[in-house]
């Protein structure tokens, strides 16, 4: 499971989804020259997606080792 070549894509998907959701706001901030706002939007989107990414990894690791994931 952890050697699955698709694992990086699976783990990245929540992050991609989070950035895609706020992308219009990021671009608007960048175009107006407010790079601090753009950075903040990116940071918050990624921080929000990390629990999902971590859960996916933990579930995959538990499955690979035969543990029960809760």
Protein backbone atom coordinates (compact mmCIF):
# COMPACT_ATOMS: atom_id res chain seq x y z
CA UNK A 1 0.00 0.00 0.00
CA UNK A 2 2.70 2.50 0.95
CA UNK A 3 4.71 1.51 -2.12
CA UNK A 4 1.70 2.26 -4.32
CA UNK A 5 2.89 4.61 -7.08
CA UNK A 6 -0.41 6.50 -6.82
CA UNK A 7 0.16 7.35 -3.14
CA UNK A 8 1.74 10.79 -3.80
CA UNK A 9 -1.24 11.75 -5.97
CA UNK A 10 -3.68 10.47 -3.35
CA UNK A 11 -1.95 12.43 -0.60
CA UNK A 12 -1.69 15.57 -2.73
CA UNK A 13 -5.35 15.63 -3.78
CA UNK A 14 -6.75 17.32 -0.63
CA UNK A 15 -4.05 19.98 -0.96
CA UNK A 16 -4.80 20.51 -4.64
CA UNK A 17 -8.52 20.75 -3.88
CA UNK A 18 -7.90 23.31 -1.13
CA UNK A 19 -5.76 25.54 -3.34
CA UNK A 20 -8.17 25.18 -6.28
CA UNK A 21 -11.01 26.34 -4.04
CA UNK A 22 -9.26 29.60 -3.11
CA UNK A 23 -7.33 30.07 -6.36
CA UNK A 24 -9.53 32.93 -7.68
CA UNK A 25 -8.96 34.86 -4.44
CA UNK A 26 -5.23 34.16 -4.55
CA UNK A 27 -4.98 35.45 -8.13
CA UNK A 28 -7.06 38.53 -7.29
CA UNK A 29 -4.76 39.32 -4.35
CA UNK A 30 -1.67 38.81 -6.51
CA UNK A 31 -3.01 41.02 -9.30
CA UNK A 32 -3.73 43.80 -6.81
CA UNK A 33 -0.21 43.47 -5.41
CA UNK A 34 -1.32 42.14 -2.02
CA UNK A 35 1.15 39.28 -1.80
CA UNK A 36 0.75 39.01 1.96
CA UNK A 37 -2.94 38.24 1.49
CA UNK A 38 -2.14 35.73 -1.25
CA UNK A 39 0.37 34.00 1.02
CA UNK A 40 -2.11 33.97 3.90
CA UNK A 41 -4.79 32.41 1.67
CA UNK A 42 -2.39 29.71 0.51
CA UNK A 43 -1.19 29.01 4.05
CA UNK A 44 -4.74 28.72 5.44
CA UNK A 45 -5.88 26.50 2.58
CA UNK A 46 -2.96 24.11 3.08
CA UNK A 47 -3.33 24.10 6.86
CA UNK A 48 -7.00 23.26 6.45
CA UNK A 49 -6.25 20.36 4.12
CA UNK A 50 -3.45 18.81 6.17
CA UNK A 51 -5.71 16.85 8.59
CA UNK A 52 -7.31 15.09 5.62
CA UNK A 53 -3.92 14.37 4.08
CA UNK A 54 -2.59 13.02 7.37
CA UNK A 55 -5.69 10.84 7.83
CA UNK A 56 -5.25 9.34 4.37
CA UNK A 57 -1.61 8.54 5.11
CA UNK A 58 -2.41 7.06 8.52
CA UNK A 59 -5.14 4.88 7.04
CA UNK A 60 -2.81 3.66 4.30
CA UNK A 61 -0.05 2.96 6.83
CA UNK A 62 -2.45 1.09 9.12
CA UNK A 63 -3.71 -0.95 6.20
CA UNK A 64 -0.16 -1.79 5.13
CA UNK A 65 0.79 -2.97 8.61
CA UNK A 66 -2.48 -4.74 9.32
CA UNK A 67 -3.42 -2.38 12.14
CA UNK A 68 -6.94 -1.13 12.63
CA UNK A 69 -7.21 2.57 11.91
CA UNK A 70 -9.61 4.63 13.96
